[in-house]
Structure formats: C-alpha cells, structure tokens
C-alpha cells in the first residue's frame, strides 16, 4: 500500500466514523422522543419535557454532522454515498418526523389531562 492509498483509507475510515456518529445521534433523538411520548401518555409531563429536550439536542448534533458532510461534498459528489450513509440519513429524517409528531401528541395528552382535572 502506497502513501496515497493509506491516506485514502484513513479518510474513508474517518468518514465512516462520522456517519456512524450521525446514525447514533439520530437513533438517540428517536428513542428520546418515543420515551417522552410514553411518559406523557402516563401523565408525567415533566419527564416528557426533559426527554424531548434531550431529543432536540441529539437532532441538533446530528444536523451539525449532516451540514458538515454536505459542506464537504459541495454538491459535487466528492463524498462516496454508500448504504450506511443512506441509512444514517434515513434515521435522521425519521427521527425528525417522530420528534414533530411526539411534540404534538404530548401537547394533546397535556390538554386531555387538563380537561380531566377540570371535571
């Protein structure tokens, strides 16, 4: 293996680590949002709020990584697209949708709980 191949291999490994990190943050965001929803369903809105904040922080971290990768690619196909890259992007988008829906559902649970307390 010559020096150029070694450098390419190192870049590939660093890219894979970055993509896995994106995947981990996206998975964490998804899990925290779903846990928040479970807590809200049980009337524990304080924990739900805390978990949603953790979910939002994980999305922020994932989005930062995604933005960095997009910047490195410069829209020119400089970064290789492989199955793990697509998988990470899929996880991020799903986490964002789940987060949005969980926020709305938590608010609905909160309103239902408030109505029950009034009766």
N, C-alpha and C. Protein backbone atom coordinates (compact mmCIF):
# COMPACT_ATOMS: atom_id res chain seq x y z
N UNK A 1 0.86 -1.18 0.00
CA UNK A 1 0.00 0.00 0.00
C UNK A 1 0.90 1.23 0.00
N UNK A 2 0.67 2.09 -0.94
CA UNK A 2 1.47 3.31 -1.00
C UNK A 2 0.84 4.40 -0.13
N UNK A 3 1.51 5.51 -0.02
CA UNK A 3 1.08 6.61 0.85
C UNK A 3 -0.29 7.15 0.44
N UNK A 4 -0.52 7.31 -0.85
CA UNK A 4 -1.80 7.83 -1.33
C UNK A 4 -2.96 6.90 -0.95
N UNK A 5 -2.76 5.61 -1.09
CA UNK A 5 -3.78 4.64 -0.71
C UNK A 5 -4.02 4.68 0.80
N UNK A 6 -2.96 4.83 1.57
CA UNK A 6 -3.09 4.90 3.03
C UNK A 6 -3.89 6.13 3.44
N UNK A 7 -3.63 7.26 2.78
CA UNK A 7 -4.37 8.49 3.08
C UNK A 7 -5.84 8.32 2.71
N UNK A 8 -6.12 7.72 1.54
CA UNK A 8 -7.50 7.47 1.13
C UNK A 8 -8.22 6.56 2.13
N UNK A 9 -7.52 5.52 2.60
CA UNK A 9 -8.10 4.61 3.57
C UNK A 9 -8.42 5.33 4.88
N UNK A 10 -7.51 6.17 5.33
CA UNK A 10 -7.72 6.93 6.56
C UNK A 10 -8.92 7.87 6.42
N UNK A 11 -9.05 8.53 5.27
CA UNK A 11 -10.20 9.40 5.03
C UNK A 11 -11.50 8.61 5.04
N UNK A 12 -11.48 7.41 4.44
CA UNK A 12 -12.66 6.56 4.40
C UNK A 12 -13.07 6.15 5.81
N UNK A 13 -12.10 5.77 6.62
CA UNK A 13 -12.39 5.35 7.99
C UNK A 13 -12.95 6.52 8.79
N UNK A 14 -12.36 7.71 8.64
CA UNK A 14 -12.86 8.91 9.33
C UNK A 14 -14.29 9.23 8.88
N UNK A 15 -14.55 9.11 7.59
CA UNK A 15 -15.89 9.38 7.07
C UNK A 15 -16.89 8.38 7.64
N UNK A 16 -16.50 7.11 7.68
CA UNK A 16 -17.39 6.09 8.24
C UNK A 16 -17.68 6.36 9.72
N UNK A 17 -16.68 6.76 10.47
CA UNK A 17 -16.88 7.09 11.89
C UNK A 17 -17.86 8.25 12.02
N UNK A 18 -17.71 9.24 11.17
CA UNK A 18 -18.59 10.41 11.21
C UNK A 18 -20.02 10.01 10.88
N UNK A 19 -20.18 9.16 9.90
CA UNK A 19 -21.53 8.72 9.51
C UNK A 19 -22.15 7.88 10.61
N UNK A 20 -21.38 7.03 11.24
CA UNK A 20 -21.89 6.24 12.36
C UNK A 20 -22.29 7.15 13.51
N UNK A 21 -21.52 8.19 13.75
CA UNK A 21 -21.85 9.17 14.78
C UNK A 21 -23.19 9.85 14.47
N UNK A 22 -23.39 10.20 13.22
CA UNK A 22 -24.67 10.76 12.78
C UNK A 22 -25.80 9.77 13.06
N UNK A 23 -25.57 8.52 12.75
CA UNK A 23 -26.56 7.47 12.98
C UNK A 23 -26.89 7.33 14.47
N UNK A 24 -25.88 7.38 15.31
CA UNK A 24 -26.09 7.26 16.75
C UNK A 24 -26.91 8.44 17.29
N UNK A 25 -26.57 9.65 16.88
CA UNK A 25 -27.34 10.82 17.33
C UNK A 25 -28.78 10.74 16.85
N UNK A 26 -28.99 10.34 15.62
CA UNK A 26 -30.36 10.22 15.10
C UNK A 26 -31.14 9.16 15.87
N UNK A 27 -30.52 8.03 16.14
CA UNK A 27 -31.18 6.98 16.91
C UNK A 27 -31.50 7.43 18.32
N UNK A 28 -30.61 8.17 18.92
CA UNK A 28 -30.84 8.70 20.26
C UNK A 28 -32.01 9.68 20.26
N UNK A 29 -32.06 10.54 19.27
CA UNK A 29 -33.16 11.50 19.17
C UNK A 29 -34.49 10.79 19.05
N UNK A 30 -34.53 9.78 18.21
CA UNK A 30 -35.75 8.99 18.02
C UNK A 30 -36.17 8.33 19.33
N UNK A 31 -35.24 7.67 19.98
CA UNK A 31 -35.54 6.96 21.23
C UNK A 31 -36.03 7.91 22.31
N UNK A 32 -35.37 9.04 22.46
CA UNK A 32 -35.79 10.01 23.48
C UNK A 32 -37.19 10.55 23.19
N UNK A 33 -37.50 10.81 21.93
CA UNK A 33 -38.83 11.32 21.59
C UNK A 33 -39.90 10.27 21.89
N UNK A 34 -39.62 9.01 21.58
CA UNK A 34 -40.60 7.96 21.85
C UNK A 34 -40.76 7.73 23.35
N UNK A 35 -39.67 7.82 24.11
CA UNK A 35 -39.77 7.69 25.56
C UNK A 35 -40.56 8.86 26.14
N UNK A 36 -40.35 10.05 25.60
CA UNK A 36 -41.10 11.23 26.06
C UNK A 36 -42.59 11.01 25.85
N UNK A 37 -42.93 10.46 24.72
CA UNK A 37 -44.34 10.17 24.41
C UNK A 37 -44.94 9.19 25.41
N UNK A 38 -44.19 8.16 25.77
CA UNK A 38 -44.67 7.19 26.77
C UNK A 38 -44.91 7.86 28.12
N UNK A 39 -43.99 8.72 28.52
CA UNK A 39 -44.15 9.41 29.80
C UNK A 39 -45.36 10.35 29.77
N UNK A 40 -45.55 11.04 28.66
CA UNK A 40 -46.71 11.93 28.55
C UNK A 40 -48.00 11.13 28.60
N UNK A 41 -48.03 9.98 27.98
CA UNK A 41 -49.21 9.12 27.99
C UNK A 41 -49.57 8.74 29.43
N UNK A 42 -48.55 8.62 30.28
CA UNK A 42 -48.77 8.27 31.69
C UNK A 42 -48.92 9.50 32.58
N UNK A 43 -48.96 10.69 31.98
CA UNK A 43 -49.18 11.91 32.73
C UNK A 43 -47.94 12.54 33.33
N UNK A 44 -46.78 12.00 33.02
CA UNK A 44 -45.52 12.54 33.55
C UNK A 44 -44.94 13.54 32.54
N UNK A 45 -45.50 14.74 32.56
CA UNK A 45 -45.13 15.74 31.56
C UNK A 45 -43.77 16.37 31.81
N UNK A 46 -43.33 16.40 33.05
CA UNK A 46 -42.01 16.95 33.34
C UNK A 46 -40.92 16.08 32.72
N UNK A 47 -41.03 14.77 32.92
CA UNK A 47 -40.05 13.86 32.32
C UNK A 47 -40.15 13.90 30.80
N UNK A 48 -41.37 13.98 30.29
CA UNK A 48 -41.57 14.07 28.84
C UNK A 48 -40.86 15.30 28.28
N UNK A 49 -40.97 16.41 28.97
CA UNK A 49 -40.32 17.64 28.53
C UNK A 49 -38.80 17.49 28.54
N UNK A 50 -38.28 16.87 29.58
CA UNK A 50 -36.84 16.65 29.68
C UNK A 50 -36.34 15.75 28.54
N UNK A 51 -37.09 14.68 28.29
CA UNK A 51 -36.71 13.76 27.22
C UNK A 51 -36.79 14.42 25.84
N UNK A 52 -37.79 15.26 25.64
CA UNK A 52 -37.89 15.96 24.37
C UNK A 52 -36.73 16.94 24.19
N UNK A 53 -36.30 17.56 25.27
CA UNK A 53 -35.13 18.45 25.19
C UNK A 53 -33.88 17.65 24.81
N UNK A 54 -33.74 16.45 25.36
CA UNK A 54 -32.61 15.60 25.01
C UNK A 54 -32.71 15.16 23.54
N UNK A 55 -33.91 14.87 23.09
CA UNK A 55 -34.13 14.51 21.70
C UNK A 55 -33.75 15.67 20.78
N UNK A 56 -34.14 16.86 21.15
CA UNK A 56 -33.82 18.04 20.34
C UNK A 56 -32.32 18.29 20.30
N UNK A 57 -31.64 18.05 21.41
CA UNK A 57 -30.18 18.23 21.43
C UNK A 57 -29.51 17.21 20.51
N UNK A 58 -29.99 15.97 20.53
CA UNK A 58 -29.41 14.94 19.67
C UNK A 58 -29.64 15.28 18.20
N UNK A 59 -30.82 15.80 17.87
CA UNK A 59 -31.10 16.22 16.49
C UNK A 59 -30.16 17.34 16.10
N UNK A 60 -29.92 18.26 17.01
CA UNK A 60 -29.02 19.38 16.73
C UNK A 60 -27.61 18.85 16.41
N UNK A 61 -27.13 17.90 17.20
CA UNK A 61 -25.81 17.31 16.97
C UNK A 61 -25.77 16.59 15.62
N UNK A 62 -26.82 15.81 15.33
CA UNK A 62 -26.88 15.09 14.06
C UNK A 62 -26.93 16.06 12.89
N UNK A 63 -27.69 17.11 13.05
CA UNK A 63 -27.82 18.10 11.98
C UNK A 63 -26.48 18.80 11.73
N UNK A 64 -25.72 19.05 12.78
CA UNK A 64 -24.40 19.65 12.63
C UNK A 64 -23.49 18.75 11.80
N UNK A 65 -23.54 17.45 12.09
CA UNK A 65 -22.73 16.50 11.32
C UNK A 65 -23.20 16.47 9.87
N UNK A 66 -24.51 16.42 9.68
CA UNK A 66 -25.07 16.39 8.33
C UNK A 66 -24.64 17.64 7.54
N UNK A 67 -24.72 18.78 8.16
CA UNK A 67 -24.33 20.03 7.50
C UNK A 67 -22.86 20.02 7.13
N UNK A 68 -22.03 19.50 8.01
CA UNK A 68 -20.60 19.38 7.72
C UNK A 68 -20.36 18.48 6.52
N UNK A 69 -21.05 17.34 6.49
CA UNK A 69 -20.88 16.41 5.36
C UNK A 69 -21.34 17.04 4.05
N UNK A 70 -22.45 17.76 4.10
CA UNK A 70 -22.94 18.43 2.90
C UNK A 70 -21.92 19.47 2.43
N UNK A 71 -21.35 20.20 3.37
CA UNK A 71 -20.33 21.20 3.03
C UNK A 71 -19.10 20.56 2.41
N UNK A 72 -18.67 19.42 2.93
CA UNK A 72 -17.51 18.73 2.38
C UNK A 72 -17.77 18.22 0.96
N UNK A 73 -19.00 17.81 0.74
CA UNK A 73 -19.37 17.28 -0.57
C UNK A 73 -19.49 18.39 -1.61
N UNK A 74 -19.90 19.55 -1.18
CA UNK A 74 -20.06 20.74 -2.05
C UNK A 74 -20.98 20.47 -3.24
N UNK A 75 -21.88 19.52 -3.09
CA UNK A 75 -22.82 19.22 -4.16
C UNK A 75 -22.17 18.64 -5.40
N UNK A 76 -20.95 18.18 -5.26
CA UNK A 76 -20.20 17.69 -6.43
C UNK A 76 -19.93 16.20 -6.38
N UNK A 77 -20.49 15.50 -5.41
CA UNK A 77 -20.23 14.07 -5.32
C UNK A 77 -18.84 13.73 -4.83
N UNK A 78 -18.26 14.64 -4.03
CA UNK A 78 -16.91 14.40 -3.52
C UNK A 78 -16.89 13.28 -2.47
N UNK A 79 -18.00 13.10 -1.76
CA UNK A 79 -18.07 12.06 -0.74
C UNK A 79 -18.79 10.85 -1.31
N UNK A 80 -18.28 9.66 -1.02
CA UNK A 80 -18.95 8.46 -1.52
C UNK A 80 -20.28 8.24 -0.80
N UNK A 81 -21.27 7.85 -1.56
CA UNK A 81 -22.57 7.53 -0.98
C UNK A 81 -22.67 6.01 -0.94
N UNK A 82 -22.81 5.48 0.26
CA UNK A 82 -22.95 4.03 0.41
C UNK A 82 -24.18 3.74 1.27
N UNK A 83 -24.41 2.49 1.53
CA UNK A 83 -25.61 2.10 2.24
C UNK A 83 -25.67 2.70 3.65
N UNK A 84 -24.55 2.77 4.35
CA UNK A 84 -24.56 3.31 5.71
C UNK A 84 -24.88 4.80 5.70
N UNK A 85 -24.44 5.51 4.66
CA UNK A 85 -24.76 6.93 4.53
C UNK A 85 -26.25 7.12 4.34
N UNK A 86 -26.83 6.34 3.46
CA UNK A 86 -28.27 6.41 3.20
C UNK A 86 -29.04 6.02 4.46
N UNK A 87 -28.58 4.98 5.14
CA UNK A 87 -29.22 4.52 6.37
C UNK A 87 -29.20 5.62 7.45
N UNK A 88 -28.08 6.28 7.60
CA UNK A 88 -27.97 7.36 8.59
C UNK A 88 -28.91 8.51 8.25
N UNK A 89 -28.97 8.88 6.99
CA UNK A 89 -29.86 9.95 6.56
C UNK A 89 -31.31 9.56 6.81
N UNK A 90 -31.65 8.31 6.52
CA UNK A 90 -33.00 7.81 6.75
C UNK A 90 -33.36 7.89 8.24
N UNK A 91 -32.43 7.49 9.09
CA UNK A 91 -32.66 7.56 10.54
C UNK A 91 -32.87 9.00 10.99
N UNK A 92 -32.08 9.91 10.47
CA UNK A 92 -32.21 11.31 10.85
C UNK A 92 -33.57 11.85 10.46
N UNK A 93 -33.98 11.60 9.24
CA UNK A 93 -35.27 12.12 8.78
C UNK A 93 -36.43 11.50 9.58
N UNK A 94 -36.34 10.20 9.85
CA UNK A 94 -37.37 9.56 10.66
C UNK A 94 -37.41 10.13 12.08
N UNK A 95 -36.26 10.36 12.65
CA UNK A 95 -36.20 10.93 13.99
C UNK A 95 -36.84 12.31 14.03
N UNK A 96 -36.61 13.09 12.99
CA UNK A 96 -37.19 14.43 12.95
C UNK A 96 -38.71 14.37 12.83
N UNK A 97 -39.22 13.45 12.03
CA UNK A 97 -40.67 13.30 11.90
C UNK A 97 -41.27 12.80 13.21
N UNK A 98 -40.65 11.81 13.82
CA UNK A 98 -41.14 11.29 15.09
C UNK A 98 -41.13 12.38 16.15
N UNK A 99 -40.09 13.18 16.16
CA UNK A 99 -40.00 14.28 17.12
C UNK A 99 -41.15 15.26 16.94
N UNK A 100 -41.44 15.63 15.70
CA UNK A 100 -42.55 16.55 15.44
C UNK A 100 -43.88 15.96 15.89
N UNK A 101 -44.12 14.71 15.55
CA UNK A 101 -45.38 14.07 15.93
C UNK A 101 -45.47 13.89 17.45
N UNK A 102 -44.36 13.51 18.07
CA UNK A 102 -44.35 13.34 19.53
C UNK A 102 -44.67 14.66 20.23
N UNK A 103 -44.12 15.76 19.73
CA UNK A 103 -44.41 17.06 20.34
C UNK A 103 -45.90 17.37 20.29
N UNK A 104 -46.51 17.12 19.14
CA UNK A 104 -47.95 17.37 19.01
C UNK A 104 -48.76 16.44 19.90
N UNK A 105 -48.38 15.18 19.95
CA UNK A 105 -49.12 14.23 20.77
C UNK A 105 -48.97 14.52 22.25
N UNK A 106 -47.78 14.94 22.66
CA UNK A 106 -47.58 15.30 24.07
C UNK A 106 -48.48 16.48 24.44
N UNK A 107 -48.59 17.43 23.55
CA UNK A 107 -49.48 18.57 23.80
C UNK A 107 -50.93 18.09 23.90
N UNK A 108 -51.32 17.16 23.07
CA UNK A 108 -52.69 16.61 23.17
C UNK A 108 -52.91 15.90 24.49
N UNK A 109 -51.93 15.09 24.91
CA UNK A 109 -52.03 14.43 26.22
C UNK A 109 -52.13 15.45 27.34
N UNK A 110 -51.37 16.53 27.23
CA UNK A 110 -51.39 17.58 28.25
C UNK A 110 -52.79 18.22 28.32
N UNK A 111 -53.37 18.51 27.17
CA UNK A 111 -54.71 19.10 27.12
C UNK A 111 -55.76 18.15 27.66
N UNK A 112 -55.64 16.87 27.31
CA UNK A 112 -56.59 15.88 27.82
C UNK A 112 -56.49 15.77 29.34
N UNK A 113 -55.27 15.80 29.84
CA UNK A 113 -55.06 15.72 31.29
C UNK A 113 -55.66 16.93 31.98
N UNK A 114 -55.47 18.09 31.38
CA UNK A 114 -56.01 19.33 31.94
C UNK A 114 -57.53 19.29 31.97
N UNK A 115 -58.14 18.77 30.92
CA UNK A 115 -59.60 18.65 30.86
C UNK A 115 -60.12 17.68 31.91
N UNK A 116 -59.39 16.57 32.11
CA UNK A 116 -59.81 15.59 33.12
C UNK A 116 -59.74 16.18 34.52
N UNK A 117 -58.74 17.02 34.77
CA UNK A 117 -58.60 17.64 36.09
C UNK A 117 -59.74 18.61 36.37
N UNK A 118 -60.27 19.23 35.31
CA UNK A 118 -61.36 20.20 35.48
C UNK A 118 -62.69 19.53 35.77
N UNK A 119 -62.82 18.28 35.37
CA UNK A 119 -64.12 17.60 35.57
C UNK A 119 -64.19 16.83 36.85
